[in-house]
Amino acid sequence: MKNKAVFLDRDGVLNKERGEYTYESQDFEWVPDSIEALKILSKNDFLLIIISNQGGISKKLYGKEDVLNIEKSITVPLKKAGIEILDSFYCPHHSAIEKCLCRKPKSLLLERAMAKHNIDPGRSFFIGDSTRDMVAGQRIGIKGILMQKNESLLLAVKDILNE
């Protein structure tokens, strides 16, 4: 049987959207209730995967190491809480500079994650704070849950559990 997953946008969903790129650990701040919400999803056997556009790399504002350091700001406290982020996929491109197949609203990052982790799109969800997140999921049959930037993730989790 294929796995079920919740794909999560990063900025504005897990960490607070600041209006500028978050690439330094001291700028990382959890959106309220994120850890509690992820714990609920994990206990309900959802794989947790981050899907994120990181166009600041293409703009040379920060590097891939900075993205990996922010991921540690996410995964280390979650691991201490007994929660695993199974994987993280990010697009380093920016549409103003280059064309690619992986930047949301395109779905290549989701497709890669689904193939790598044997995920059933019909049993999976994408929680995001923009229409491009919703479009990326819809392109491959994943139901999107649109939330407001920096809104409690518990609201989206309730929608998932009521499905």
N, C-alpha and C. Protein backbone atom coordinates (compact mmCIF):
# COMPACT_ATOMS: atom_id res chain seq x y z
N MET A 1 0.84 -1.18 0.00
CA MET A 1 0.00 0.00 0.00
C MET A 1 0.88 1.24 0.00
N LYS A 2 0.43 2.24 -0.71
CA LYS A 2 1.19 3.49 -0.78
C LYS A 2 0.99 4.32 0.49
N ASN A 3 1.97 5.13 0.77
CA ASN A 3 1.95 5.98 1.95
C ASN A 3 1.09 7.22 1.77
N LYS A 4 0.64 7.77 2.87
CA LYS A 4 -0.04 9.06 2.84
C LYS A 4 0.92 10.09 3.42
N ALA A 5 0.83 11.31 2.90
CA ALA A 5 1.77 12.35 3.32
C ALA A 5 1.07 13.69 3.44
N VAL A 6 1.69 14.55 4.22
CA VAL A 6 1.33 15.95 4.23
C VAL A 6 2.58 16.70 3.79
N PHE A 7 2.42 17.40 2.68
CA PHE A 7 3.48 18.26 2.16
C PHE A 7 3.26 19.64 2.76
N LEU A 8 4.35 20.27 3.16
CA LEU A 8 4.27 21.54 3.86
C LEU A 8 5.14 22.58 3.17
N ASP A 9 4.54 23.70 2.83
CA ASP A 9 5.34 24.84 2.43
C ASP A 9 6.12 25.26 3.68
N ARG A 10 7.21 25.95 3.50
CA ARG A 10 8.02 26.31 4.68
C ARG A 10 7.66 27.70 5.21
N ASP A 11 8.00 28.74 4.45
CA ASP A 11 7.83 30.11 4.93
C ASP A 11 6.36 30.51 4.97
N GLY A 12 5.91 30.92 6.14
CA GLY A 12 4.51 31.31 6.32
C GLY A 12 3.65 30.17 6.83
N VAL A 13 4.16 28.93 6.75
CA VAL A 13 3.42 27.75 7.22
C VAL A 13 4.11 27.16 8.46
N LEU A 14 5.41 26.88 8.35
CA LEU A 14 6.16 26.36 9.50
C LEU A 14 6.86 27.49 10.26
N ASN A 15 7.54 28.34 9.51
CA ASN A 15 8.19 29.49 10.14
C ASN A 15 7.50 30.78 9.69
N LYS A 16 7.56 31.77 10.57
CA LYS A 16 6.86 33.02 10.30
C LYS A 16 7.41 33.70 9.05
N GLU A 17 6.50 34.09 8.17
CA GLU A 17 6.84 34.89 7.00
C GLU A 17 7.16 36.29 7.49
N ARG A 18 8.35 36.78 7.13
CA ARG A 18 8.79 38.07 7.62
C ARG A 18 8.70 39.18 6.57
N GLY A 19 8.35 38.81 5.33
CA GLY A 19 8.33 39.79 4.26
C GLY A 19 9.66 39.85 3.53
N GLU A 20 10.62 39.09 3.99
CA GLU A 20 11.91 38.96 3.32
C GLU A 20 12.40 37.53 3.52
N TYR A 21 13.44 37.16 2.82
CA TYR A 21 13.93 35.78 2.89
C TYR A 21 14.40 35.43 4.31
N THR A 22 14.04 34.24 4.74
CA THR A 22 14.52 33.71 6.02
C THR A 22 15.61 32.70 5.68
N TYR A 23 16.85 33.07 5.95
CA TYR A 23 17.96 32.17 5.65
C TYR A 23 19.00 32.12 6.77
N GLU A 24 18.81 32.90 7.81
CA GLU A 24 19.70 32.85 8.96
C GLU A 24 18.93 32.30 10.16
N SER A 25 19.57 31.43 10.90
CA SER A 25 18.89 30.74 12.00
C SER A 25 18.28 31.70 13.01
N GLN A 26 18.93 32.84 13.26
CA GLN A 26 18.38 33.77 14.25
C GLN A 26 17.09 34.43 13.77
N ASP A 27 16.79 34.36 12.47
CA ASP A 27 15.55 34.93 11.94
C ASP A 27 14.41 33.91 11.90
N PHE A 28 14.73 32.65 12.19
CA PHE A 28 13.71 31.60 12.17
C PHE A 28 12.83 31.72 13.41
N GLU A 29 11.51 31.73 13.18
CA GLU A 29 10.56 31.75 14.28
C GLU A 29 9.37 30.87 13.90
N TRP A 30 9.04 29.92 14.75
CA TRP A 30 7.94 29.00 14.48
C TRP A 30 6.61 29.75 14.37
N VAL A 31 5.78 29.31 13.44
CA VAL A 31 4.38 29.75 13.41
C VAL A 31 3.71 29.10 14.62
N PRO A 32 2.81 29.81 15.31
CA PRO A 32 2.18 29.23 16.51
C PRO A 32 1.54 27.86 16.25
N ASP A 33 1.70 26.98 17.20
CA ASP A 33 1.09 25.65 17.22
C ASP A 33 1.68 24.68 16.20
N SER A 34 2.77 25.05 15.53
CA SER A 34 3.32 24.18 14.49
C SER A 34 3.75 22.82 15.02
N ILE A 35 4.49 22.82 16.11
CA ILE A 35 5.00 21.55 16.63
C ILE A 35 3.85 20.66 17.08
N GLU A 36 2.88 21.23 17.77
CA GLU A 36 1.71 20.47 18.21
C GLU A 36 0.95 19.90 17.01
N ALA A 37 0.78 20.71 15.97
CA ALA A 37 0.06 20.26 14.76
C ALA A 37 0.81 19.13 14.06
N LEU A 38 2.12 19.27 13.93
CA LEU A 38 2.91 18.23 13.27
C LEU A 38 2.90 16.93 14.08
N LYS A 39 2.86 17.05 15.39
CA LYS A 39 2.78 15.86 16.25
C LYS A 39 1.48 15.10 15.98
N ILE A 40 0.39 15.84 15.81
CA ILE A 40 -0.90 15.21 15.52
C ILE A 40 -0.85 14.50 14.17
N LEU A 41 -0.30 15.15 13.16
CA LEU A 41 -0.19 14.52 11.84
C LEU A 41 0.67 13.26 11.90
N SER A 42 1.77 13.36 12.61
CA SER A 42 2.67 12.22 12.75
C SER A 42 1.98 11.04 13.44
N LYS A 43 1.24 11.33 14.50
CA LYS A 43 0.52 10.27 15.22
C LYS A 43 -0.58 9.64 14.37
N ASN A 44 -1.02 10.35 13.33
CA ASN A 44 -2.02 9.82 12.41
C ASN A 44 -1.38 9.22 11.16
N ASP A 45 -0.10 8.88 11.27
CA ASP A 45 0.65 8.14 10.25
C ASP A 45 0.84 8.87 8.93
N PHE A 46 0.89 10.20 8.96
CA PHE A 46 1.22 10.96 7.77
C PHE A 46 2.73 11.16 7.72
N LEU A 47 3.32 10.91 6.54
CA LEU A 47 4.70 11.30 6.33
C LEU A 47 4.72 12.82 6.19
N LEU A 48 5.74 13.47 6.70
CA LEU A 48 5.85 14.92 6.65
C LEU A 48 7.02 15.31 5.76
N ILE A 49 6.70 16.11 4.74
CA ILE A 49 7.71 16.50 3.75
C ILE A 49 7.58 17.99 3.45
N ILE A 50 8.70 18.69 3.46
CA ILE A 50 8.71 20.12 3.16
C ILE A 50 8.98 20.32 1.67
N ILE A 51 8.18 21.20 1.05
CA ILE A 51 8.34 21.57 -0.36
C ILE A 51 8.42 23.10 -0.39
N SER A 52 9.55 23.64 -0.83
CA SER A 52 9.76 25.08 -0.69
C SER A 52 10.48 25.70 -1.88
N ASN A 53 10.03 26.87 -2.30
CA ASN A 53 10.77 27.68 -3.26
C ASN A 53 11.81 28.48 -2.48
N GLN A 54 13.03 28.44 -2.93
CA GLN A 54 14.12 29.20 -2.30
C GLN A 54 14.88 30.00 -3.36
N GLY A 55 14.15 30.92 -3.98
CA GLY A 55 14.71 31.73 -5.06
C GLY A 55 15.84 32.65 -4.65
N GLY A 56 16.02 32.88 -3.37
CA GLY A 56 17.14 33.70 -2.90
C GLY A 56 18.49 33.09 -3.25
N ILE A 57 18.52 31.78 -3.46
CA ILE A 57 19.76 31.13 -3.89
C ILE A 57 20.13 31.63 -5.28
N SER A 58 19.17 31.63 -6.19
CA SER A 58 19.40 32.09 -7.56
C SER A 58 19.78 33.58 -7.59
N LYS A 59 19.19 34.33 -6.66
CA LYS A 59 19.50 35.77 -6.58
C LYS A 59 20.83 36.03 -5.87
N LYS A 60 21.48 34.94 -5.41
CA LYS A 60 22.76 35.00 -4.71
C LYS A 60 22.67 35.79 -3.39
N LEU A 61 21.50 35.74 -2.75
CA LEU A 61 21.32 36.36 -1.44
C LEU A 61 21.78 35.44 -0.32
N TYR A 62 21.73 34.14 -0.59
CA TYR A 62 22.18 33.13 0.36
C TYR A 62 22.48 31.86 -0.42
N GLY A 63 23.04 30.87 0.25
CA GLY A 63 23.44 29.64 -0.42
C GLY A 63 22.67 28.42 0.07
N LYS A 64 22.97 27.30 -0.53
CA LYS A 64 22.31 26.05 -0.15
C LYS A 64 22.59 25.67 1.30
N GLU A 65 23.80 26.01 1.79
CA GLU A 65 24.11 25.72 3.19
C GLU A 65 23.18 26.46 4.14
N ASP A 66 22.79 27.68 3.76
CA ASP A 66 21.87 28.45 4.59
C ASP A 66 20.50 27.77 4.66
N VAL A 67 20.05 27.21 3.53
CA VAL A 67 18.78 26.48 3.51
C VAL A 67 18.88 25.26 4.42
N LEU A 68 20.00 24.56 4.35
CA LEU A 68 20.20 23.37 5.20
C LEU A 68 20.26 23.75 6.68
N ASN A 69 20.83 24.90 7.01
CA ASN A 69 20.86 25.35 8.41
C ASN A 69 19.46 25.67 8.92
N ILE A 70 18.62 26.27 8.09
CA ILE A 70 17.24 26.54 8.49
C ILE A 70 16.51 25.21 8.68
N GLU A 71 16.78 24.25 7.81
CA GLU A 71 16.16 22.93 7.98
C GLU A 71 16.52 22.33 9.34
N LYS A 72 17.75 22.54 9.80
CA LYS A 72 18.14 22.06 11.14
C LYS A 72 17.34 22.78 12.22
N SER A 73 17.04 24.07 11.98
CA SER A 73 16.21 24.82 12.94
C SER A 73 14.81 24.22 13.04
N ILE A 74 14.43 23.51 12.01
CA ILE A 74 13.12 22.85 11.99
C ILE A 74 13.23 21.42 12.53
N THR A 75 14.16 20.66 11.99
CA THR A 75 14.20 19.22 12.29
C THR A 75 14.70 18.89 13.69
N VAL A 76 15.65 19.65 14.23
CA VAL A 76 16.21 19.33 15.54
C VAL A 76 15.16 19.45 16.64
N PRO A 77 14.42 20.57 16.75
CA PRO A 77 13.39 20.62 17.80
C PRO A 77 12.27 19.61 17.57
N LEU A 78 11.97 19.34 16.32
CA LEU A 78 10.92 18.36 16.04
C LEU A 78 11.35 16.97 16.47
N LYS A 79 12.60 16.63 16.20
CA LYS A 79 13.11 15.32 16.61
C LYS A 79 13.03 15.16 18.12
N LYS A 80 13.35 16.24 18.85
CA LYS A 80 13.26 16.21 20.32
C LYS A 80 11.82 15.99 20.78
N ALA A 81 10.87 16.43 19.94
CA ALA A 81 9.44 16.25 20.26
C ALA A 81 8.90 14.93 19.71
N GLY A 82 9.77 14.10 19.12
CA GLY A 82 9.35 12.81 18.59
C GLY A 82 8.71 12.88 17.22
N ILE A 83 9.02 13.93 16.46
CA ILE A 83 8.42 14.14 15.13
C ILE A 83 9.53 14.10 14.09
N GLU A 84 9.27 13.39 12.99
CA GLU A 84 10.25 13.31 11.92
C GLU A 84 9.76 14.02 10.67
N ILE A 85 10.57 14.94 10.17
CA ILE A 85 10.37 15.45 8.82
C ILE A 85 11.12 14.47 7.94
N LEU A 86 10.38 13.70 7.16
CA LEU A 86 10.98 12.62 6.38
C LEU A 86 11.96 13.15 5.33
N ASP A 87 11.60 14.28 4.70
CA ASP A 87 12.42 14.78 3.61
C ASP A 87 12.08 16.23 3.37
N SER A 88 12.94 16.88 2.62
CA SER A 88 12.74 18.27 2.25
C SER A 88 13.22 18.47 0.83
N PHE A 89 12.42 19.12 0.03
CA PHE A 89 12.75 19.42 -1.36
C PHE A 89 12.60 20.92 -1.56
N TYR A 90 13.58 21.54 -2.20
CA TYR A 90 13.45 22.97 -2.46
C TYR A 90 13.94 23.30 -3.86
N CYS A 91 13.34 24.34 -4.42
CA CYS A 91 13.74 24.85 -5.73
C CYS A 91 14.65 26.05 -5.51
N PRO A 92 15.89 26.00 -6.03
CA PRO A 92 16.82 27.10 -5.83
C PRO A 92 16.70 28.20 -6.89
N HIS A 93 15.77 28.04 -7.82
CA HIS A 93 15.64 28.96 -8.95
C HIS A 93 14.68 30.11 -8.65
N HIS A 94 14.81 31.18 -9.42
CA HIS A 94 13.87 32.29 -9.33
C HIS A 94 13.38 32.60 -10.73
N SER A 95 12.07 32.75 -10.88
CA SER A 95 11.46 32.92 -12.20
C SER A 95 11.92 34.19 -12.91
N ALA A 96 12.40 35.19 -12.18
CA ALA A 96 12.89 36.41 -12.81
C ALA A 96 14.27 36.20 -13.44
N ILE A 97 14.93 35.11 -13.09
CA ILE A 97 16.30 34.87 -13.55
C ILE A 97 16.39 33.70 -14.52
N GLU A 98 15.64 32.64 -14.24
CA GLU A 98 15.74 31.44 -15.08
C GLU A 98 14.43 30.66 -15.05
N LYS A 99 14.31 29.77 -16.01
CA LYS A 99 13.13 28.90 -16.05
C LYS A 99 13.54 27.53 -15.54
N CYS A 100 12.58 26.90 -14.88
CA CYS A 100 12.84 25.55 -14.37
C CYS A 100 11.53 24.80 -14.31
N LEU A 101 11.61 23.53 -13.97
CA LEU A 101 10.42 22.68 -13.84
C LEU A 101 10.06 22.43 -12.38
N CYS A 102 10.88 22.96 -11.46
CA CYS A 102 10.65 22.59 -10.07
C CYS A 102 10.03 23.70 -9.22
N ARG A 103 10.04 24.93 -9.69
CA ARG A 103 9.51 26.03 -8.88
C ARG A 103 7.99 25.97 -8.86
N LYS A 104 7.43 25.96 -7.64
CA LYS A 104 5.96 25.98 -7.54
C LYS A 104 5.46 27.25 -8.22
N PRO A 105 4.44 27.17 -9.02
CA PRO A 105 3.34 26.22 -9.04
C PRO A 105 3.56 24.95 -9.89
N LYS A 106 4.76 24.76 -10.41
CA LYS A 106 5.02 23.50 -11.10
C LYS A 106 5.13 22.40 -10.06
N SER A 107 5.04 21.17 -10.48
CA SER A 107 4.88 20.07 -9.52
C SER A 107 6.06 19.10 -9.44
N LEU A 108 7.19 19.42 -10.06
CA LEU A 108 8.29 18.46 -10.10
C LEU A 108 8.78 18.05 -8.71
N LEU A 109 8.86 18.99 -7.77
CA LEU A 109 9.33 18.63 -6.42
C LEU A 109 8.39 17.63 -5.76
N LEU A 110 7.10 17.85 -5.94
CA LEU A 110 6.10 16.91 -5.40
C LEU A 110 6.21 15.55 -6.08
N GLU A 111 6.39 15.56 -7.37
CA GLU A 111 6.52 14.30 -8.12
C GLU A 111 7.73 13.51 -7.64
N ARG A 112 8.84 14.21 -7.42
CA ARG A 112 10.05 13.53 -6.92
C ARG A 112 9.80 12.92 -5.54
N ALA A 113 9.18 13.69 -4.67
CA ALA A 113 8.90 13.20 -3.32
C ALA A 113 7.97 11.99 -3.36
N MET A 114 6.95 12.04 -4.21
CA MET A 114 5.99 10.94 -4.31
C MET A 114 6.68 9.67 -4.80
N ALA A 115 7.54 9.81 -5.81
CA ALA A 115 8.23 8.63 -6.34
C ALA A 115 9.22 8.07 -5.32
N LYS A 116 9.96 8.94 -4.67
CA LYS A 116 10.98 8.50 -3.71
C LYS A 116 10.38 7.79 -2.50
N HIS A 117 9.20 8.24 -2.06
CA HIS A 117 8.63 7.72 -0.81
C HIS A 117 7.32 6.94 -1.01
N ASN A 118 7.03 6.54 -2.25
CA ASN A 118 5.87 5.70 -2.55
C ASN A 118 4.57 6.30 -1.97
N ILE A 119 4.27 7.53 -2.38
CA ILE A 119 3.15 8.27 -1.80
C ILE A 119 1.93 8.23 -2.72
N ASP A 120 0.79 8.03 -2.12
CA ASP A 120 -0.50 8.03 -2.80
C ASP A 120 -1.03 9.46 -2.80
N PRO A 121 -1.14 10.10 -3.98
CA PRO A 121 -1.62 11.49 -4.00
C PRO A 121 -3.06 11.63 -3.51
N GLY A 122 -3.87 10.62 -3.71
CA GLY A 122 -5.26 10.67 -3.30
C GLY A 122 -5.47 10.64 -1.79
N ARG A 123 -4.45 10.23 -1.04
CA ARG A 123 -4.53 10.19 0.42
C ARG A 123 -3.65 11.25 1.07
N SER A 124 -3.16 12.19 0.24
CA SER A 124 -2.18 13.16 0.71
C SER A 124 -2.69 14.58 0.58
N PHE A 125 -2.01 15.50 1.26
CA PHE A 125 -2.42 16.90 1.33
C PHE A 125 -1.20 17.81 1.18
N PHE A 126 -1.45 19.01 0.69
CA PHE A 126 -0.41 20.03 0.63
C PHE A 126 -0.93 21.24 1.40
N ILE A 127 -0.25 21.59 2.49
CA ILE A 127 -0.60 22.77 3.26
C ILE A 127 0.31 23.91 2.82
N GLY A 128 -0.32 24.96 2.32
CA GLY A 128 0.45 26.11 1.86
C GLY A 128 -0.27 27.41 2.12
N ASP A 129 0.46 28.49 1.90
CA ASP A 129 -0.11 29.82 2.14
C ASP A 129 -0.22 30.65 0.87
N SER A 130 -0.13 29.99 -0.29
CA SER A 130 -0.28 30.72 -1.56
C SER A 130 -0.97 29.83 -2.59
N THR A 131 -1.54 30.47 -3.58
CA THR A 131 -2.21 29.72 -4.64
C THR A 131 -1.22 28.86 -5.41
N ARG A 132 0.02 29.27 -5.49
CA ARG A 132 1.00 28.44 -6.23
C ARG A 132 1.20 27.09 -5.54
N ASP A 133 1.08 27.05 -4.21
CA ASP A 133 1.15 25.77 -3.50
C ASP A 133 -0.04 24.89 -3.88
N MET A 134 -1.21 25.51 -3.93
CA MET A 134 -2.43 24.76 -4.25
C MET A 134 -2.38 24.23 -5.68
N VAL A 135 -1.92 25.05 -6.61
CA VAL A 135 -1.83 24.65 -8.02
C VAL A 135 -0.85 23.49 -8.18
N ALA A 136 0.29 23.57 -7.52
CA ALA A 136 1.28 22.49 -7.61
C ALA A 136 0.66 21.16 -7.18
N GLY A 137 -0.05 21.17 -6.07
CA GLY A 137 -0.69 19.95 -5.60
C GLY A 137 -1.78 19.46 -6.52
N GLN A 138 -2.62 20.38 -6.98
CA GLN A 138 -3.73 20.00 -7.87
C GLN A 138 -3.23 19.35 -9.16
N ARG A 139 -2.11 19.78 -9.65
CA ARG A 139 -1.57 19.24 -10.91
C ARG A 139 -1.33 17.74 -10.84
N ILE A 140 -1.12 17.22 -9.63
CA ILE A 140 -0.84 15.78 -9.51
C ILE A 140 -1.82 15.07 -8.58
N GLY A 141 -2.95 15.70 -8.32
CA GLY A 141 -4.02 15.03 -7.57
C GLY A 141 -3.91 15.08 -6.06
N ILE A 142 -3.14 16.03 -5.53
CA ILE A 142 -3.02 16.19 -4.09
C ILE A 142 -3.94 17.33 -3.66
N LYS A 143 -4.75 17.08 -2.64
CA LYS A 143 -5.67 18.10 -2.15
C LYS A 143 -4.89 19.18 -1.40
N GLY A 144 -5.16 20.43 -1.76
CA GLY A 144 -4.50 21.54 -1.11
C GLY A 144 -5.33 22.12 0.01
N ILE A 145 -4.64 22.58 1.05
CA ILE A 145 -5.29 23.30 2.14
C ILE A 145 -4.59 24.65 2.23
N LEU A 146 -5.32 25.67 1.83
CA LEU A 146 -4.78 27.02 1.81
C LEU A 146 -5.00 27.68 3.16
N MET A 147 -3.92 28.15 3.75
CA MET A 147 -4.03 28.85 5.02
C MET A 147 -3.46 30.26 4.87
N GLN A 148 -3.80 31.13 5.77
CA GLN A 148 -3.23 32.47 5.79
C GLN A 148 -1.79 32.38 6.28
N LYS A 149 -0.94 33.27 5.79
CA LYS A 149 0.44 33.32 6.27
C LYS A 149 0.46 33.44 7.79
N ASN A 150 1.30 32.65 8.43
CA ASN A 150 1.54 32.69 9.87
C ASN A 150 0.33 32.30 10.72
N GLU A 151 -0.65 31.64 10.10
CA GLU A 151 -1.84 31.18 10.81
C GLU A 151 -1.52 29.86 11.51
N SER A 152 -2.21 29.58 12.59
CA SER A 152 -2.00 28.33 13.31
C SER A 152 -2.20 27.13 12.39
N LEU A 153 -1.22 26.26 12.38
CA LEU A 153 -1.26 25.05 11.57
C LEU A 153 -2.33 24.08 12.07
N LEU A 154 -2.78 24.26 13.29
CA LEU A 154 -3.82 23.38 13.84
C LEU A 154 -5.12 23.46 13.03
N LEU A 155 -5.41 24.62 12.45
CA LEU A 155 -6.62 24.77 11.63
C LEU A 155 -6.58 23.86 10.41
N ALA A 156 -5.43 23.82 9.76
CA ALA A 156 -5.26 22.95 8.59
C ALA A 156 -5.30 21.48 9.00
N VAL A 157 -4.72 21.16 10.12
CA VAL A 157 -4.72 19.76 10.60
C VAL A 157 -6.14 19.30 10.87
N LYS A 158 -6.97 20.15 11.45
CA LYS A 158 -8.37 19.79 11.69
C LYS A 158 -9.07 19.47 10.37
N ASP A 159 -8.80 20.27 9.31
CA ASP A 159 -9.39 19.99 8.01
C ASP A 159 -8.96 18.62 7.49
N ILE A 160 -7.69 18.30 7.65
CA ILE A 160 -7.19 17.01 7.19
C ILE A 160 -7.84 15.85 7.93
N LEU A 161 -7.93 15.97 9.22
CA LEU A 161 -8.48 14.87 10.03
C LEU A 161 -10.00 14.72 9.82
N ASN A 162 -10.64 15.76 9.34
CA ASN A 162 -12.09 15.68 9.06
C ASN A 162 -12.39 15.14 7.67
N GLU A 163 -11.37 14.90 6.87
CA GLU A 163 -11.55 14.38 5.50
C GLU A 163 -12.04 12.95 5.55
